[in-house]
Amino acid sequence: MSRFTLSRVVQARFWVVLLLMAGGCASPVRTDRVQYEQSDWISQTGLTGLRMLSPNYDLRVTAKDEILRQYLPEFMEAALVEYQKVMPPARDPGEKMIIYVFNDRPEWVQFTLGFAPNHTHIYMHIHTGGYMDQARATAVLWDIGREHTLALVAHEGWHQYLAKCFPEPVPAWLNEGLATQWEGFDIKGERPVFNSAGNYMRRGHLRDALSAGGQDGLIPLAELLAMDAGYAVVKTGATVRNYYTQVWSLILFLREGQVKEYTQGFRRLLADAGTTRMQAAVRAYRAASSGAEQYSSGEVIFRHYITEDMEAFKEAYREYALNLVF
C-alpha cells in the first residue's frame, strides 16, 4: 500500500475549491490535469453529498473526507489511463462510469437494499469496502480511510472498466488478479503512480500463506483458477485473504517477465480477454484436448494461453513468491 499524503500546496488548492462552492450550483473545478463539474447531490435514500462529473466518471459521494472526495476525479482518471494500457477497450463505454462512495457502512447498506435487492444476500457478506454491481456496471463503496478507500476504488474501478468496455466475461483469476494490481500506489505531485509490487498488505498476506501450509497456506493452482469472486466474498479469514493475495502475485509474476514463455502467453491472453476470441479459444481447446472436460473454464484459459505444464509453473511461481516476500 502507498502512504497517501497530499502536499500542503495540494491541500490548500482543495480548500480554495471548497470555498468557491456556494449555493449548491454546479461549479467547474480544475486541478492541473483534470477538469470536472461539481454540484450538490441527494441519493435516492435521502443522503446528501456531492456529485462530480469528470471526463469519464460520474462520482456521487457522501464521504465527509473533503481531501478524499476532491482527489477522486484526478485519481480515477489517472487509473483509467493505466487500465487502458493493460487492456485497450474493446468498445466505447457509451456513458460516464458511475461510482458511489458513501460515508459509512450503514449508508452503504441503506442504499444497497434498494439498488441491488437481488444480490443483497451476497453483498451483505462484505464488511469492509463495497462492490461493483455487474448488471449495472456501477461501483458502490463506503469510506474505509483515505488510503484504503483509494486502493478500493482503483480495484473496483477495474471491474467496472471491464464491465463497461468489454463484451465478454473475463475469468475471475484474471479479473481479480488485475484488479489487485491497482491497490498499490504512490502520490507524485497530484497524480497517483501505481506500483503493483508495492502492495505491502498483499505482500504480508503472501508471506503468511507461504509460511503457514495446510488450510491456511497457498490454494492449489487448479482450485484457484476455478474459484470465482463470489465464492471468495462469502468466505472469511485466510481463505479470502489467500485468494486475493495469490491472484495478485500470480498476475505480478506473469507481468514481470520472469519466464519468457509465460509472459508471452499472458500478453496473448490480455489481447483476447473480454472478447469472442477468448471464448472461441476455450471451445477449440475443449474440442481438441483429451480430458479437457475435467478442467474449469479458468483452467482451460490458463492452459491454452500460459502453459500446459502446471507442475513446472507451480514450481516457478513458488520460487518467485518466496523471493518476493523473503
Protein backbone atom coordinates (compact mmCIF):
# COMPACT_ATOMS: atom_id res chain seq x y z
CA MET A 1 0.00 0.00 0.00
CA SER A 2 1.07 3.56 -0.52
CA ARG A 3 1.42 6.23 2.10
CA PHE A 4 -1.23 8.67 0.91
CA THR A 5 -0.24 12.16 2.00
CA LEU A 6 -1.09 15.23 -0.03
CA SER A 7 1.32 18.13 -0.02
CA ARG A 8 0.31 21.35 1.72
CA VAL A 9 0.09 23.06 -1.67
CA VAL A 10 -2.39 20.47 -2.92
CA GLN A 11 -4.39 20.59 0.30
CA ALA A 12 -4.54 24.38 0.04
CA ARG A 13 -5.84 24.14 -3.51
CA PHE A 14 -8.56 21.75 -2.36
CA TRP A 15 -9.62 24.15 0.40
CA VAL A 16 -9.81 27.02 -2.10
CA VAL A 17 -12.06 24.84 -4.23
CA LEU A 18 -14.32 24.18 -1.25
CA LEU A 19 -14.66 27.89 -0.51
CA LEU A 20 -15.75 28.50 -4.11
CA MET A 21 -18.67 26.07 -3.88
CA ALA A 22 -21.60 28.22 -2.94
CA GLY A 23 -25.35 27.87 -3.33
CA GLY A 24 -25.37 24.25 -4.49
CA CYS A 25 -24.88 25.25 -8.13
CA ALA A 26 -22.73 23.24 -10.47
CA SER A 27 -19.22 24.63 -10.26
CA PRO A 28 -16.34 23.93 -12.64
CA VAL A 29 -13.33 22.67 -10.69
CA ARG A 30 -9.84 22.29 -12.09
CA THR A 31 -6.65 20.66 -10.98
CA ASP A 32 -3.54 20.87 -13.15
CA ARG A 33 -4.69 17.89 -15.21
CA VAL A 34 -8.38 17.06 -14.75
CA GLN A 35 -11.34 19.40 -15.05
CA TYR A 36 -14.68 18.37 -13.58
CA GLU A 37 -18.05 19.83 -12.64
CA GLN A 38 -19.28 19.64 -9.07
CA SER A 39 -22.76 20.08 -7.60
CA ASP A 40 -24.78 19.12 -4.54
CA TRP A 41 -26.35 15.68 -4.74
CA ILE A 42 -29.10 13.80 -2.89
CA SER A 43 -29.28 10.00 -3.11
CA GLN A 44 -32.47 8.01 -3.66
CA THR A 45 -32.48 7.30 0.07
CA GLY A 46 -32.20 10.99 1.00
CA LEU A 47 -28.48 11.12 1.77
CA THR A 48 -26.77 14.40 0.87
CA GLY A 49 -23.38 14.73 -0.75
CA LEU A 50 -21.54 15.88 -3.84
CA ARG A 51 -21.71 14.84 -7.48
CA MET A 52 -18.55 15.26 -9.55
CA LEU A 53 -18.56 14.85 -13.33
CA SER A 54 -15.11 14.34 -14.82
CA PRO A 55 -14.46 13.40 -18.47
CA ASN A 56 -15.12 9.68 -17.87
CA TYR A 57 -16.68 9.40 -14.40
CA ASP A 58 -19.85 10.32 -12.54
CA LEU A 59 -18.80 10.30 -8.88
CA ARG A 60 -21.52 10.51 -6.22
CA VAL A 61 -20.04 10.94 -2.78
CA THR A 62 -21.37 11.36 0.76
CA ALA A 63 -17.98 10.66 2.39
CA LYS A 64 -17.07 13.53 4.71
CA ASP A 65 -13.32 13.45 3.99
CA GLU A 66 -13.02 16.60 1.87
CA ILE A 67 -9.50 15.86 0.64
CA LEU A 68 -10.53 12.36 -0.41
CA ARG A 69 -13.57 13.45 -2.36
CA GLN A 70 -11.79 16.31 -4.11
CA TYR A 71 -8.99 13.96 -5.15
CA LEU A 72 -11.26 11.23 -6.55
CA PRO A 73 -11.73 12.67 -10.08
CA GLU A 74 -7.98 13.08 -10.57
CA PHE A 75 -7.31 9.64 -9.13
CA MET A 76 -9.88 7.77 -11.22
CA GLU A 77 -8.99 9.49 -14.48
CA ALA A 78 -5.36 8.52 -13.87
CA ALA A 79 -6.39 4.94 -13.04
CA LEU A 80 -8.41 4.72 -16.26
CA VAL A 81 -5.34 5.63 -18.31
CA GLU A 82 -3.50 2.71 -16.70
CA TYR A 83 -6.42 0.31 -17.22
CA GLN A 84 -6.43 1.17 -20.92
CA LYS A 85 -2.71 0.47 -21.23
CA VAL A 86 -3.15 -3.06 -19.90
CA MET A 87 -6.28 -3.88 -21.92
CA PRO A 88 -7.25 -1.33 -24.58
CA PRO A 89 -11.07 -1.04 -24.61
CA ALA A 90 -12.93 -3.33 -26.99
CA ARG A 91 -15.88 -0.92 -27.11
CA ASP A 92 -16.85 2.58 -26.05
CA PRO A 93 -18.49 2.64 -22.60
CA GLY A 94 -21.14 4.97 -24.03
CA GLU A 95 -21.59 7.00 -20.87
CA LYS A 96 -19.71 8.12 -17.79
CA MET A 97 -18.94 5.38 -15.29
CA ILE A 98 -20.84 5.81 -12.02
CA ILE A 99 -19.14 5.32 -8.66
CA TYR A 100 -20.80 5.85 -5.27
CA VAL A 101 -18.66 6.47 -2.18
CA PHE A 102 -20.74 6.62 1.00
CA ASN A 103 -19.57 7.90 4.35
CA ASP A 104 -20.01 4.63 6.26
CA ARG A 105 -21.41 1.12 6.06
CA PRO A 106 -24.91 1.98 7.36
CA GLU A 107 -25.33 4.46 4.48
CA TRP A 108 -23.98 1.85 2.07
CA VAL A 109 -26.39 -0.80 3.38
CA GLN A 110 -29.35 1.58 3.15
CA PHE A 111 -28.54 2.36 -0.49
CA THR A 112 -27.70 -1.23 -1.47
CA LEU A 113 -31.02 -2.62 -0.22
CA GLY A 114 -32.81 -0.52 -2.83
CA PHE A 115 -30.13 -0.52 -5.53
CA ALA A 116 -29.39 -4.25 -5.79
CA PRO A 117 -32.13 -6.19 -3.94
CA ASN A 118 -31.47 -9.40 -5.89
CA HIS A 119 -27.84 -9.52 -4.74
CA THR A 120 -28.20 -8.23 -1.20
CA HIS A 121 -27.67 -11.73 0.23
CA ILE A 122 -24.18 -11.69 -1.29
CA TYR A 123 -23.26 -8.05 -0.74
CA MET A 124 -24.15 -8.12 2.95
CA HIS A 125 -21.24 -10.51 3.48
CA ILE A 126 -18.95 -7.56 2.69
CA HIS A 127 -17.81 -5.90 5.90
CA THR A 128 -15.08 -3.63 4.55
CA GLY A 129 -15.34 -1.65 1.35
CA GLY A 130 -18.02 -2.36 -1.22
CA TYR A 131 -18.71 -3.97 -4.60
CA MET A 132 -19.07 -3.43 -8.32
CA ASP A 133 -22.53 -4.46 -9.49
CA GLN A 134 -22.02 -6.29 -12.79
CA ALA A 135 -25.55 -5.80 -14.10
CA ARG A 136 -25.30 -2.01 -13.85
CA ALA A 137 -21.52 -1.70 -14.16
CA THR A 138 -21.64 0.55 -11.09
CA ALA A 139 -19.29 0.61 -8.10
CA VAL A 140 -20.87 1.13 -4.66
CA LEU A 141 -18.39 1.69 -1.83
CA TRP A 142 -18.00 3.35 1.54
CA ASP A 143 -15.11 5.29 3.05
CA ILE A 144 -12.75 2.98 4.95
CA GLY A 145 -9.99 5.55 5.41
CA ARG A 146 -8.43 7.72 2.74
CA GLU A 147 -5.61 5.45 1.59
CA HIS A 148 -7.64 2.25 1.73
CA THR A 149 -10.61 3.86 0.01
CA LEU A 150 -8.44 4.95 -2.91
CA ALA A 151 -6.99 1.43 -3.17
CA LEU A 152 -10.54 0.05 -3.10
CA VAL A 153 -11.93 2.41 -5.72
CA ALA A 154 -8.99 1.60 -8.02
CA HIS A 155 -9.70 -2.13 -7.55
CA GLU A 156 -13.44 -1.89 -8.15
CA GLY A 157 -12.85 0.65 -10.91
CA TRP A 158 -11.01 -2.06 -12.85
CA HIS A 159 -14.03 -4.39 -12.61
CA GLN A 160 -16.23 -1.53 -13.78
CA TYR A 161 -13.93 -0.82 -16.72
CA LEU A 162 -14.17 -4.44 -17.88
CA ALA A 163 -17.95 -4.47 -17.47
CA LYS A 164 -18.31 -1.28 -19.50
CA CYS A 165 -15.69 -1.76 -22.19
CA PHE A 166 -15.62 -5.50 -22.95
CA PRO A 167 -18.48 -7.61 -24.34
CA GLU A 168 -17.47 -10.97 -22.85
CA PRO A 169 -16.66 -12.06 -19.29
CA VAL A 170 -13.09 -12.42 -18.08
CA PRO A 171 -12.06 -15.39 -15.87
CA ALA A 172 -12.14 -14.47 -12.20
CA TRP A 173 -8.47 -15.21 -11.55
CA LEU A 174 -7.50 -12.74 -14.28
CA ASN A 175 -10.15 -10.15 -13.40
CA GLU A 176 -9.41 -10.14 -9.67
CA GLY A 177 -5.69 -10.53 -10.18
CA LEU A 178 -5.55 -7.45 -12.40
CA ALA A 179 -7.85 -5.52 -10.04
CA THR A 180 -5.39 -6.04 -7.20
CA GLN A 181 -2.59 -4.55 -9.31
CA TRP A 182 -4.08 -1.08 -8.74
CA GLU A 183 -4.17 -1.26 -4.94
CA GLY A 184 -0.56 -0.17 -4.55
CA PHE A 185 0.27 3.42 -5.47
CA ASP A 186 2.29 6.48 -4.56
CA ILE A 187 1.33 10.12 -4.96
CA LYS A 188 3.72 12.14 -7.13
CA GLY A 189 2.64 15.78 -7.05
CA GLU A 190 -1.08 15.45 -7.66
CA ARG A 191 -1.01 12.24 -9.70
CA PRO A 192 -1.08 8.66 -8.48
CA VAL A 193 1.71 6.39 -9.68
CA PHE A 194 0.57 2.78 -9.49
CA ASN A 195 3.09 0.31 -8.11
CA SER A 196 1.74 -3.24 -8.15
CA ALA A 197 4.70 -4.77 -6.35
CA GLY A 198 4.46 -2.12 -3.62
CA ASN A 199 1.22 -3.59 -2.25
CA TYR A 200 2.50 -4.26 1.26
CA MET A 201 -0.77 -5.64 2.58
CA ARG A 202 -0.77 -8.36 -0.10
CA ARG A 203 2.93 -8.98 0.46
CA GLY A 204 2.28 -9.62 4.15
CA HIS A 205 -0.57 -12.00 3.41
CA LEU A 206 1.55 -13.86 0.85
CA ARG A 207 4.32 -14.27 3.41
CA ASP A 208 1.81 -15.67 5.89
CA ALA A 209 0.40 -18.13 3.34
CA LEU A 210 3.83 -19.36 2.29
CA SER A 211 4.77 -19.89 5.93
CA ALA A 212 1.52 -21.49 7.08
CA GLY A 213 0.89 -24.51 4.88
CA GLY A 214 -2.25 -26.63 5.19
CA GLN A 215 -5.65 -24.92 5.05
CA ASP A 216 -4.09 -21.54 5.79
CA GLY A 217 -1.46 -21.96 3.07
CA LEU A 218 -1.49 -21.44 -0.67
CA ILE A 219 -4.61 -22.54 -2.52
CA PRO A 220 -3.82 -25.31 -5.06
CA LEU A 221 -3.45 -23.82 -8.55
CA ALA A 222 -6.29 -25.75 -10.21
CA GLU A 223 -8.63 -24.76 -7.38
CA LEU A 224 -7.51 -21.12 -7.57
CA LEU A 225 -8.19 -20.99 -11.32
CA ALA A 226 -11.68 -22.45 -10.80
CA MET A 227 -12.73 -20.08 -8.00
CA ASP A 228 -14.87 -17.03 -8.58
CA ALA A 229 -15.02 -13.79 -6.63
CA GLY A 230 -18.48 -14.61 -5.25
CA TYR A 231 -17.04 -17.69 -3.55
CA ALA A 232 -14.28 -15.61 -2.03
CA VAL A 233 -16.74 -12.99 -0.76
CA VAL A 234 -18.77 -15.43 1.33
CA LYS A 235 -15.65 -16.95 2.87
CA THR A 236 -13.75 -15.38 5.74
CA GLY A 237 -10.27 -15.31 7.20
CA ALA A 238 -7.32 -16.96 5.49
CA THR A 239 -9.33 -18.31 2.54
CA VAL A 240 -10.39 -14.93 1.22
CA ARG A 241 -7.04 -13.30 2.05
CA ASN A 242 -5.15 -16.03 0.26
CA TYR A 243 -7.40 -15.92 -2.78
CA TYR A 244 -6.78 -12.23 -3.45
CA THR A 245 -3.13 -12.46 -2.43
CA GLN A 246 -2.45 -15.36 -4.76
CA VAL A 247 -4.14 -13.87 -7.81
CA TRP A 248 -2.27 -10.61 -7.09
CA SER A 249 1.10 -12.37 -7.02
CA LEU A 250 0.17 -14.68 -9.91
CA ILE A 251 -0.53 -11.74 -12.23
CA LEU A 252 2.53 -9.89 -10.94
CA PHE A 253 4.62 -12.96 -11.84
CA LEU A 254 3.14 -13.11 -15.33
CA ARG A 255 3.55 -9.37 -15.92
CA GLU A 256 7.14 -9.08 -14.73
CA GLY A 257 8.55 -11.44 -17.33
CA GLN A 258 10.41 -13.85 -15.09
CA VAL A 259 9.71 -16.67 -17.58
CA LYS A 260 9.52 -15.58 -21.22
CA GLU A 261 7.09 -18.32 -22.26
CA TYR A 262 4.58 -17.35 -19.56
CA THR A 263 4.86 -13.63 -20.24
CA GLN A 264 4.32 -14.05 -23.98
CA GLY A 265 1.27 -16.21 -23.32
CA PHE A 266 -0.04 -13.66 -20.85
CA ARG A 267 0.23 -10.92 -23.46
CA ARG A 268 -1.78 -13.03 -25.89
CA LEU A 269 -4.36 -13.58 -23.17
CA LEU A 270 -4.67 -9.85 -22.49
CA ALA A 271 -5.16 -9.22 -26.21
CA ASP A 272 -8.07 -11.71 -26.34
CA ALA A 273 -9.58 -11.26 -22.87
CA GLY A 274 -13.13 -9.98 -22.77
CA THR A 275 -13.72 -10.72 -26.47
CA THR A 276 -15.25 -13.51 -28.53
CA ARG A 277 -11.71 -14.61 -29.46
CA MET A 278 -11.14 -15.92 -25.96
CA GLN A 279 -14.48 -17.74 -25.95
CA ALA A 280 -13.61 -19.33 -29.30
CA ALA A 281 -10.23 -20.39 -27.93
CA VAL A 282 -11.90 -22.11 -24.97
CA ARG A 283 -14.28 -24.01 -27.24
CA ALA A 284 -11.44 -25.05 -29.55
CA TYR A 285 -9.32 -26.23 -26.63
CA ARG A 286 -12.12 -28.34 -25.19
CA ALA A 287 -12.83 -29.88 -28.60
CA ALA A 288 -9.20 -30.73 -29.30
CA SER A 289 -7.88 -31.74 -25.88
CA SER A 290 -8.48 -35.15 -24.35
CA GLY A 291 -9.66 -34.87 -20.76
CA ALA A 292 -10.46 -31.16 -21.03
CA GLU A 293 -13.93 -31.78 -19.62
CA GLN A 294 -12.37 -32.14 -16.16
CA TYR A 295 -10.94 -28.62 -16.25
CA SER A 296 -12.77 -25.47 -15.17
CA SER A 297 -13.09 -22.67 -17.72
CA GLY A 298 -10.49 -20.73 -15.75
CA GLU A 299 -8.02 -23.60 -16.02
CA VAL A 300 -8.72 -24.12 -19.73
CA ILE A 301 -7.89 -20.47 -20.38
CA PHE A 302 -4.72 -20.76 -18.32
CA ARG A 303 -3.62 -23.94 -20.09
CA HIS A 304 -4.37 -22.54 -23.56
CA TYR A 305 -2.60 -19.20 -23.13
CA ILE A 306 0.03 -19.71 -20.41
CA THR A 307 1.18 -23.33 -20.16
CA GLU A 308 0.07 -26.96 -20.10
CA ASP A 309 2.87 -27.85 -17.69
CA MET A 310 1.14 -26.97 -14.45
CA GLU A 311 3.79 -28.57 -12.23
CA ALA A 312 6.62 -26.56 -13.75
CA PHE A 313 4.55 -23.39 -13.42
CA LYS A 314 3.80 -24.06 -9.75
CA GLU A 315 7.50 -24.50 -9.01
CA ALA A 316 8.46 -21.31 -10.86
CA TYR A 317 5.66 -19.33 -9.21
CA ARG A 318 6.53 -20.55 -5.73
CA GLU A 319 10.18 -19.60 -6.22
CA TYR A 320 9.09 -16.14 -7.40
CA ALA A 321 6.71 -15.71 -4.46
CA LEU A 322 9.39 -16.66 -1.95
CA ASN A 323 11.85 -14.20 -3.47
CA LEU A 324 9.17 -11.51 -3.46
CA VAL A 325 8.46 -11.59 0.27
CA PHE A 326 11.50 -13.10 1.99
